[in-house]
């Protein structure tokens, strides 16, 4: 009997390799909320660079993350890195 392991796509592929992501994830070392916030900031930056208004960019992101409020996304995208 062959075991099939579901491969999780690497949302940080521009930062770390798939193998490293899989290893860190398998040991519970990936903070999913931080990864989500990183993806939101990346998408916001891309939308803004294509001349989308900040409000429209946040609305577009809300379509992908409907469980997040407008103000929550605004806080994520304007959060100052520590």
Protein backbone atom coordinates (compact mmCIF):
# COMPACT_ATOMS: atom_id res chain seq x y z
CA UNK A 1 0.00 0.00 0.00
CA UNK A 2 1.38 3.35 -1.05
CA UNK A 3 1.06 6.34 1.26
CA UNK A 4 0.26 9.62 -0.41
CA UNK A 5 1.23 12.74 1.49
CA UNK A 6 -0.65 15.90 0.62
CA UNK A 7 1.84 18.57 -0.34
CA UNK A 8 1.04 21.98 1.10
CA UNK A 9 1.87 24.79 -1.28
CA UNK A 10 4.60 27.06 0.02
CA UNK A 11 3.22 30.58 0.50
CA UNK A 12 6.75 31.80 1.28
CA UNK A 13 8.36 30.40 -1.87
CA UNK A 14 10.16 33.66 -2.65
CA UNK A 15 11.81 33.52 0.80
CA UNK A 16 12.44 29.83 1.53
CA UNK A 17 12.49 26.59 -0.45
CA UNK A 18 9.56 24.17 -0.46
CA UNK A 19 11.64 21.60 1.44
CA UNK A 20 12.48 24.05 4.21
CA UNK A 21 8.86 25.20 4.43
CA UNK A 22 7.65 21.58 4.65
CA UNK A 23 10.22 20.81 7.35
CA UNK A 24 9.33 23.84 9.44
CA UNK A 25 5.60 23.22 8.97
CA UNK A 26 5.91 19.54 9.93
CA UNK A 27 7.49 20.62 13.23
CA UNK A 28 4.80 23.22 13.90
CA UNK A 29 7.21 26.12 13.45
CA UNK A 30 5.17 28.09 10.92
CA UNK A 31 2.91 30.78 12.37
CA UNK A 32 -0.07 30.64 10.00
CA UNK A 33 -1.37 34.07 11.04
CA UNK A 34 1.98 35.69 10.29
CA UNK A 35 2.11 33.94 6.91
CA UNK A 36 -1.43 35.16 6.15
CA UNK A 37 -0.50 38.72 7.16
CA UNK A 38 2.62 38.56 4.96
CA UNK A 39 0.49 37.46 1.99
CA UNK A 40 -2.01 40.25 2.66
CA UNK A 41 0.76 42.88 2.77
CA UNK A 42 2.28 41.47 -0.44
CA UNK A 43 -1.07 41.54 -2.26
CA UNK A 44 -1.81 45.06 -1.00
CA UNK A 45 1.57 46.30 -2.22
CA UNK A 46 0.97 44.72 -5.65
CA UNK A 47 -2.50 46.26 -5.93
CA UNK A 48 -1.23 49.69 -4.90
CA UNK A 49 1.61 49.51 -7.42
CA UNK A 50 -1.00 48.92 -10.13
CA UNK A 51 -2.64 52.26 -9.19
CA UNK A 52 -5.51 50.73 -7.20
CA UNK A 53 -6.71 53.02 -4.42
CA UNK A 54 -5.97 51.90 -0.86
CA UNK A 55 -9.67 51.43 -0.09
CA UNK A 56 -10.28 49.40 -3.23
CA UNK A 57 -7.17 47.29 -2.54
CA UNK A 58 -8.41 46.51 0.97
CA UNK A 59 -11.87 45.66 -0.42
CA UNK A 60 -10.26 43.28 -2.94
CA UNK A 61 -8.31 41.60 -0.16
CA UNK A 62 -11.48 41.30 1.91
CA UNK A 63 -12.99 39.20 -0.88
CA UNK A 64 -10.22 36.65 -0.28
CA UNK A 65 -10.43 36.92 3.51
CA UNK A 66 -14.13 37.67 4.20
CA UNK A 67 -13.71 36.84 7.89
CA UNK A 68 -11.45 39.90 8.33
CA UNK A 69 -12.91 43.34 8.82
CA UNK A 70 -11.81 46.34 6.73
CA UNK A 71 -10.05 47.91 9.74
CA UNK A 72 -8.24 44.65 10.53
CA UNK A 73 -6.79 44.50 7.01
CA UNK A 74 -5.91 48.18 7.20
CA UNK A 75 -3.99 47.54 10.42
CA UNK A 76 -2.18 44.58 8.83
CA UNK A 77 -1.08 46.48 5.72
CA UNK A 78 0.01 49.59 7.59
CA UNK A 79 1.62 47.72 10.49
CA UNK A 80 5.14 48.93 11.20
CA UNK A 81 7.64 46.09 11.34
CA UNK A 82 9.26 45.59 14.72
